PDB file of N, CA and C in Angstrom:
ATOM      1  N   MET A   1      64.834-158.777 336.221  1.00  0.00           N
ATOM      2  CA  MET A   1      65.196-158.557 334.906  1.00  0.00           C
ATOM      3  C   MET A   1      65.415-156.852 334.644  1.00  0.00           C
ATOM      4  N   THR A   2      66.382-156.451 334.291  1.00  0.00           N
ATOM      5  CA  THR A   2      66.425-154.905 334.058  1.00  0.00           C
ATOM      6  C   THR A   2      66.202-154.658 332.631  1.00  0.00           C
ATOM      7  N   THR A   3      65.601-153.347 332.563  1.00  0.00           N
ATOM      8  CA  THR A   3      65.288-152.988 331.179  1.00  0.00           C
ATOM      9  C   THR A   3      65.803-151.564 330.997  1.00  0.00           C
ATOM     10  N   ASN A   4      66.474-151.366 329.995  1.00  0.00           N
ATOM     11  CA  ASN A   4      66.998-150.130 329.418  1.00  0.00           C
ATOM     12  C   ASN A   4      66.026-149.286 328.598  1.00  0.00           C
ATOM     13  N   LEU A   5      65.439-148.389 329.561  1.00  0.00           N
ATOM     14  CA  LEU A   5      64.583-147.426 329.031  1.00  0.00           C
ATOM     15  C   LEU A   5      64.695-146.668 327.478  1.00  0.00           C
ATOM     16  N   PHE A   6      65.983-146.210 327.678  1.00  0.00           N
ATOM     17  CA  PHE A   6      66.479-145.583 326.521  1.00  0.00           C
ATOM     18  C   PHE A   6      66.423-146.329 325.244  1.00  0.00           C
ATOM     19  N   ARG A   7      66.618-147.626 325.350  1.00  0.00           N
ATOM     20  CA  ARG A   7      66.728-148.452 324.066  1.00  0.00           C
ATOM     21  C   ARG A   7      65.201-148.703 323.804  1.00  0.00           C
ATOM     22  N   GLN A   8      64.312-148.779 324.747  1.00  0.00           N
ATOM     23  CA  GLN A   8      63.046-148.989 324.471  1.00  0.00           C
ATOM     24  C   GLN A   8      62.387-147.899 323.806  1.00  0.00           C
ATOM     25  N   LEU A   9      62.800-146.701 324.242  1.00  0.00           N
ATOM     26  CA  LEU A   9      62.197-145.344 323.373  1.00  0.00           C
ATOM     27  C   LEU A   9      62.950-145.508 322.104  1.00  0.00           C
ATOM     28  N   LEU A  10      64.088-145.779 321.902  1.00  0.00           N
ATOM     29  CA  LEU A  10      64.672-145.716 320.459  1.00  0.00           C
ATOM     30  C   LEU A  10      64.006-146.857 319.607  1.00  0.00           C
ATOM     31  N   ASP A  11      63.556-147.918 320.123  1.00  0.00           N
ATOM     32  CA  ASP A  11      62.873-148.936 319.493  1.00  0.00           C
ATOM     33  C   ASP A  11      61.578-148.514 319.006  1.00  0.00           C
ATOM     34  N   LEU A  12      60.795-147.479 319.642  1.00  0.00           N
ATOM     35  CA  LEU A  12      59.686-146.993 319.143  1.00  0.00           C
ATOM     36  C   LEU A  12      59.800-146.138 317.915  1.00  0.00           C
ATOM     37  N   LEU A  13      60.764-145.541 317.945  1.00  0.00           N
ATOM     38  CA  LEU A  13      61.074-144.517 316.700  1.00  0.00           C
ATOM     39  C   LEU A  13      61.242-145.080 315.511  1.00  0.00           C
ATOM     40  N   PRO A  14      60.652-144.510 314.398  1.00  0.00           N
ATOM     41  CA  PRO A  14      60.844-145.142 313.177  1.00  0.00           C
ATOM     42  C   PRO A  14      62.479-144.854 312.691  1.00  0.00           C
ATOM     43  N   GLU A  15      62.761-145.673 311.938  1.00  0.00           N
ATOM     44  CA  GLU A  15      64.157-145.626 311.261  1.00  0.00           C
ATOM     45  C   GLU A  15      64.102-144.543 310.067  1.00  0.00           C
ATOM     46  N   GLN A  16      65.269-144.065 309.627  1.00  0.00           N
ATOM     47  CA  GLN A  16      65.109-143.205 308.729  1.00  0.00           C
ATOM     48  C   GLN A  16      64.791-143.871 307.407  1.00  0.00           C
ATOM     49  N   PRO A  17      63.866-143.180 306.539  1.00  0.00           N
ATOM     50  CA  PRO A  17      63.777-143.848 305.225  1.00  0.00           C
ATOM     51  C   PRO A  17      64.805-143.824 304.146  1.00  0.00           C
ATOM     52  N   LEU A  18      64.923-144.688 303.280  1.00  0.00           N
ATOM     53  CA  LEU A  18      65.736-144.560 302.355  1.00  0.00           C
ATOM     54  C   LEU A  18      65.013-144.076 300.974  1.00  0.00           C
ATOM     55  N   LEU A  19      65.398-142.905 300.536  1.00  0.00           N
ATOM     56  CA  LEU A  19      64.673-142.137 299.476  1.00  0.00           C
ATOM     57  C   LEU A  19      65.599-142.260 298.286  1.00  0.00           C
ATOM     58  N   VAL A  20      64.813-142.077 297.081  1.00  0.00           N
ATOM     59  CA  VAL A  20      65.381-142.193 295.705  1.00  0.00           C
ATOM     60  C   VAL A  20      65.316-140.882 295.036  1.00  0.00           C
ATOM     61  N   GLY A  21      66.177-140.209 294.348  1.00  0.00           N
ATOM     62  CA  GLY A  21      65.786-139.198 293.784  1.00  0.00           C
ATOM     63  C   GLY A  21      66.862-138.856 292.635  1.00  0.00           C
ATOM     64  N   THR A  22      66.736-137.674 291.770  1.00  0.00           N
ATOM     65  CA  THR A  22      67.392-137.233 290.768  1.00  0.00           C
ATOM     66  C   THR A  22      68.216-135.911 291.134  1.00  0.00           C
ATOM     67  N   VAL A  23      69.435-135.747 291.011  1.00  0.00           N
ATOM     68  CA  VAL A  23      70.469-134.718 291.403  1.00  0.00           C
ATOM     69  C   VAL A  23      69.807-133.783 290.297  1.00  0.00           C
ATOM     70  N   THR A  24      69.366-132.363 290.939  1.00  0.00           N
ATOM     71  CA  THR A  24      69.144-131.386 289.951  1.00  0.00           C
ATOM     72  C   THR A  24      70.289-130.326 290.033  1.00  0.00           C
ATOM     73  N   VAL A  25      70.793-130.056 291.297  1.00  0.00           N
ATOM     74  CA  VAL A  25      71.837-128.818 291.371  1.00  0.00           C
ATOM     75  C   VAL A  25      72.981-129.460 292.267  1.00  0.00           C
ATOM     76  N   VAL A  26      74.350-128.917 291.500  1.00  0.00           N
ATOM     77  CA  VAL A  26      75.206-129.397 292.322  1.00  0.00           C
ATOM     78  C   VAL A  26      75.834-127.939 293.050  1.00  0.00           C
ATOM     79  N   ASN A  27      75.876-127.635 294.209  1.00  0.00           N
ATOM     80  CA  ASN A  27      76.036-126.627 295.075  1.00  0.00           C
ATOM     81  C   ASN A  27      77.480-126.551 295.162  1.00  0.00           C
ATOM     82  N   SER A  28      78.123-125.253 295.572  1.00  0.00           N
ATOM     83  CA  SER A  28      79.342-124.942 295.813  1.00  0.00           C
ATOM     84  C   SER A  28      79.796-125.594 297.214  1.00  0.00           C
ATOM     85  N   ASP A  29      78.906-125.759 298.185  1.00  0.00           N
ATOM     86  CA  ASP A  29      79.487-126.008 299.464  1.00  0.00           C
ATOM     87  C   ASP A  29      79.396-127.545 299.653  1.00  0.00           C
ATOM     88  N   GLU A  30      79.765-128.384 298.854  1.00  0.00           N
ATOM     89  CA  GLU A  30      79.673-129.831 298.769  1.00  0.00           C
ATOM     90  C   GLU A  30      78.516-130.305 299.287  1.00  0.00           C
ATOM     91  N   THR A  31      77.211-129.729 298.836  1.00  0.00           N
ATOM     92  CA  THR A  31      76.143-130.326 299.023  1.00  0.00           C
ATOM     93  C   THR A  31      75.433-130.372 297.348  1.00  0.00           C
ATOM     94  N   VAL A  32      74.292-131.212 297.383  1.00  0.00           N
ATOM     95  CA  VAL A  32      73.538-131.405 296.198  1.00  0.00           C
ATOM     96  C   VAL A  32      72.087-131.197 296.411  1.00  0.00           C
ATOM     97  N   THR A  33      71.249-130.679 295.389  1.00  0.00           N
ATOM     98  CA  THR A  33      70.052-130.617 295.609  1.00  0.00           C
ATOM     99  C   THR A  33      69.415-131.996 294.832  1.00  0.00           C
ATOM    100  N   VAL A  34      68.474-132.605 295.471  1.00  0.00           N
ATOM    101  CA  VAL A  34      67.997-133.813 294.825  1.00  0.00           C
ATOM    102  C   VAL A  34      66.328-133.765 294.790  1.00  0.00           C
ATOM    103  N   GLN A  35      65.813-134.029 293.728  1.00  0.00           N
ATOM    104  CA  GLN A  35      64.378-134.031 293.439  1.00  0.00           C
ATOM    105  C   GLN A  35      64.131-135.356 293.718  1.00  0.00           C
ATOM    106  N   LEU A  36      63.078-135.616 294.573  1.00  0.00           N
ATOM    107  CA  LEU A  36      62.450-137.108 294.946  1.00  0.00           C
ATOM    108  C   LEU A  36      61.517-137.408 293.883  1.00  0.00           C
ATOM    109  N   SER A  37      61.321-138.664 293.802  1.00  0.00           N
ATOM    110  CA  SER A  37      60.378-139.103 292.748  1.00  0.00           C
ATOM    111  C   SER A  37      58.996-138.724 293.196  1.00  0.00           C
ATOM    112  N   GLY A  38      58.575-138.479 294.501  1.00  0.00           N
ATOM    113  CA  GLY A  38      57.270-137.799 294.812  1.00  0.00           C
ATOM    114  C   GLY A  38      57.136-136.230 294.398  1.00  0.00           C
ATOM    115  N   GLY A  39      58.334-135.597 294.204  1.00  0.00           N
ATOM    116  CA  GLY A  39      58.193-134.236 293.882  1.00  0.00           C
ATOM    117  C   GLY A  39      58.836-133.270 294.802  1.00  0.00           C
ATOM    118  N   GLY A  40      59.276-133.873 296.074  1.00  0.00           N
ATOM    119  CA  GLY A  40      59.911-132.740 297.146  1.00  0.00           C
ATOM    120  C   GLY A  40      61.406-132.610 296.555  1.00  0.00           C
ATOM    121  N   LEU A  41      62.081-131.595 297.107  1.00  0.00           N
ATOM    122  CA  LEU A  41      63.438-131.218 297.019  1.00  0.00           C
ATOM    123  C   LEU A  41      64.094-131.435 298.431  1.00  0.00           C
ATOM    124  N   LEU A  42      65.387-131.856 298.258  1.00  0.00           N
ATOM    125  CA  LEU A  42      66.158-132.160 299.326  1.00  0.00           C
ATOM    126  C   LEU A  42      67.659-131.580 299.202  1.00  0.00           C
ATOM    127  N   ARG A  43      68.184-130.856 300.096  1.00  0.00           N
ATOM    128  CA  ARG A  43      69.465-130.413 299.978  1.00  0.00           C
ATOM    129  C   ARG A  43      70.308-131.218 300.764  1.00  0.00           C
ATOM    130  N   VAL A  44      71.195-132.256 300.258  1.00  0.00           N
ATOM    131  CA  VAL A  44      71.922-133.313 300.954  1.00  0.00           C
ATOM    132  C   VAL A  44      73.438-133.166 300.888  1.00  0.00           C
ATOM    133  N   ARG A  45      74.110-133.812 301.532  1.00  0.00           N
ATOM    134  CA  ARG A  45      75.572-133.775 301.526  1.00  0.00           C
ATOM    135  C   ARG A  45      75.904-134.973 300.733  1.00  0.00           C
ATOM    136  N   GLY A  46      77.323-134.842 299.929  1.00  0.00           N
ATOM    137  CA  GLY A  46      77.535-135.651 299.106  1.00  0.00           C
ATOM    138  C   GLY A  46      78.033-135.364 297.820  1.00  0.00           C
ATOM    139  N   ALA A  47      78.703-136.255 296.990  1.00  0.00           N
ATOM    140  CA  ALA A  47      79.174-135.815 295.548  1.00  0.00           C
ATOM    141  C   ALA A  47      78.408-136.670 294.474  1.00  0.00           C
ATOM    142  N   ALA A  48      77.788-135.870 293.664  1.00  0.00           N
ATOM    143  CA  ALA A  48      77.236-136.512 292.461  1.00  0.00           C
ATOM    144  C   ALA A  48      77.100-135.628 291.407  1.00  0.00           C
ATOM    145  N   ALA A  49      76.666-135.889 290.321  1.00  0.00           N
ATOM    146  CA  ALA A  49      76.765-135.097 289.086  1.00  0.00           C
ATOM    147  C   ALA A  49      75.182-134.511 288.773  1.00  0.00           C
ATOM    148  N   VAL A  50      74.718-133.643 288.090  1.00  0.00           N
ATOM    149  CA  VAL A  50      73.415-133.468 287.637  1.00  0.00           C
ATOM    150  C   VAL A  50      72.917-134.647 286.933  1.00  0.00           C
ATOM    151  N   ASP A  51      71.775-134.919 287.043  1.00  0.00           N
ATOM    152  CA  ASP A  51      71.017-136.077 286.469  1.00  0.00           C
ATOM    153  C   ASP A  51      71.283-137.312 286.894  1.00  0.00           C
ATOM    154  N   ASP A  52      72.056-137.567 287.962  1.00  0.00           N
ATOM    155  CA  ASP A  52      72.419-138.673 288.642  1.00  0.00           C
ATOM    156  C   ASP A  52      71.477-139.128 289.513  1.00  0.00           C
ATOM    157  N   ARG A  53      70.776-140.438 289.380  1.00  0.00           N
ATOM    158  CA  ARG A  53      69.941-141.110 290.450  1.00  0.00           C
ATOM    159  C   ARG A  53      70.588-141.581 291.752  1.00  0.00           C
ATOM    160  N   VAL A  54      70.074-140.979 292.783  1.00  0.00           N
ATOM    161  CA  VAL A  54      70.939-141.322 294.114  1.00  0.00           C
ATOM    162  C   VAL A  54      70.016-141.885 295.276  1.00  0.00           C
ATOM    163  N   PHE A  55      70.674-142.659 296.053  1.00  0.00           N
ATOM    164  CA  PHE A  55      69.841-143.117 297.266  1.00  0.00           C
ATOM    165  C   PHE A  55      70.239-142.112 298.409  1.00  0.00           C
ATOM    166  N   VAL A  56      69.325-141.548 299.236  1.00  0.00           N
ATOM    167  CA  VAL A  56      69.389-140.733 300.055  1.00  0.00           C
ATOM    168  C   VAL A  56      68.756-141.039 301.534  1.00  0.00           C
ATOM    169  N   ARG A  57      69.627-140.870 302.516  1.00  0.00           N
ATOM    170  CA  ARG A  57      69.109-141.237 303.850  1.00  0.00           C
ATOM    171  C   ARG A  57      69.615-140.184 305.068  1.00  0.00           C
ATOM    172  N   ASN A  58      68.844-139.732 305.568  1.00  0.00           N
ATOM    173  CA  ASN A  58      69.239-138.898 306.802  1.00  0.00           C
ATOM    174  C   ASN A  58      70.016-137.805 306.324  1.00  0.00           C
ATOM    175  N   GLY A  59      69.756-137.176 305.240  1.00  0.00           N
ATOM    176  CA  GLY A  59      70.644-135.968 304.644  1.00  0.00           C
ATOM    177  C   GLY A  59      71.945-136.242 303.944  1.00  0.00           C
ATOM    178  N   VAL A  60      72.172-137.564 303.622  1.00  0.00           N
ATOM    179  CA  VAL A  60      73.351-137.849 303.085  1.00  0.00           C
ATOM    180  C   VAL A  60      73.211-138.949 301.921  1.00  0.00           C
ATOM    181  N   ILE A  61      73.909-138.699 300.864  1.00  0.00           N
ATOM    182  CA  ILE A  61      73.751-139.512 299.640  1.00  0.00           C
ATOM    183  C   ILE A  61      74.476-140.885 300.168  1.00  0.00           C
ATOM    184  N   GLU A  62      73.769-141.895 299.869  1.00  0.00           N
ATOM    185  CA  GLU A  62      74.387-143.423 300.242  1.00  0.00           C
ATOM    186  C   GLU A  62      74.893-144.113 299.159  1.00  0.00           C
ATOM    187  N   GLY A  63      74.526-143.673 297.809  1.00  0.00           N
ATOM    188  CA  GLY A  63      75.149-144.174 296.695  1.00  0.00           C
ATOM    189  C   GLY A  63      74.190-144.180 295.530  1.00  0.00           C
ATOM    190  N   PRO A  64      74.862-144.621 294.209  1.00  0.00           N
ATOM    191  CA  PRO A  64      73.931-144.358 293.151  1.00  0.00           C
ATOM    192  C   PRO A  64      72.709-145.439 293.374  1.00  0.00           C
ATOM    193  N   ALA A  65      71.662-144.877 292.449  1.00  0.00           N
ATOM    194  CA  ALA A  65      70.532-145.790 292.230  1.00  0.00           C
ATOM    195  C   ALA A  65      70.275-145.949 291.059  1.00  0.00           C
ATOM    196  N   PRO A  66      69.715-147.127 290.760  1.00  0.00           N
ATOM    197  CA  PRO A  66      69.355-147.482 289.302  1.00  0.00           C
ATOM    198  C   PRO A  66      68.445-146.606 288.496  1.00  0.00           C
ATOM    199  N   ALA A  67      68.368-146.426 287.323  1.00  0.00           N
ATOM    200  CA  ALA A  67      67.519-145.610 286.680  1.00  0.00           C
ATOM    201  C   ALA A  67      66.281-146.507 286.211  1.00  0.00           C
ATOM    202  N   LEU A  68      65.327-146.811 286.927  1.00  0.00           N
ATOM    203  CA  LEU A  68      64.186-147.653 286.758  1.00  0.00           C
ATOM    204  C   LEU A  68      63.014-146.752 286.767  1.00  0.00           C
ATOM    205  N   THR A  69      61.811-147.211 286.027  1.00  0.00           N
ATOM    206  CA  THR A  69      60.774-146.302 285.982  1.00  0.00           C
ATOM    207  C   THR A  69      59.959-146.741 287.209  1.00  0.00           C
ATOM    208  N   ASP A  70      59.331-145.500 287.737  1.00  0.00           N
ATOM    209  CA  ASP A  70      58.349-145.623 289.041  1.00  0.00           C
ATOM    210  C   ASP A  70      57.001-146.346 288.292  1.00  0.00           C
ATOM    211  N   VAL A  71      56.438-147.132 289.444  1.00  0.00           N
ATOM    212  CA  VAL A  71      55.168-147.887 289.279  1.00  0.00           C
ATOM    213  C   VAL A  71      54.226-147.485 290.520  1.00  0.00           C
ATOM    214  N   THR A  72      52.992-147.067 290.268  1.00  0.00           N
ATOM    215  CA  THR A  72      51.957-146.971 291.249  1.00  0.00           C
ATOM    216  C   THR A  72      50.884-147.809 291.055  1.00  0.00           C
ATOM    217  N   ILE A  73      50.622-148.538 292.074  1.00  0.00           N
ATOM    218  CA  ILE A  73      49.626-149.644 292.130  1.00  0.00           C
ATOM    219  C   ILE A  73      48.369-149.141 293.102  1.00  0.00           C
ATOM    220  N   ASP A  74      47.264-149.037 292.439  1.00  0.00           N
ATOM    221  CA  ASP A  74      46.139-148.638 293.257  1.00  0.00           C
ATOM    222  C   ASP A  74      45.637-150.058 294.002  1.00  0.00           C
ATOM    223  N   ILE A  75      45.445-149.671 295.140  1.00  0.00           N
ATOM    224  CA  ILE A  75      44.791-150.997 295.856  1.00  0.00           C
ATOM    225  C   ILE A  75      43.368-150.716 296.423  1.00  0.00           C
TER     226      ILE A  75
END
């Protein structure tokens, strides 16, 4: 049985997370600044307007996100 060591290495690495945030700044170089629900700021590629909720993965806007409230549950 042959194994692909590169494929095994990639399987060990985590997937890029899908993040949700609100656009705070539209920059002139076709990027926007997104404030994440956890408080961080990201500068990502894509088109959106200020105050839009967006999904972000790997530095790119993937699409609009619903405007839902965040819920934190203590365990």
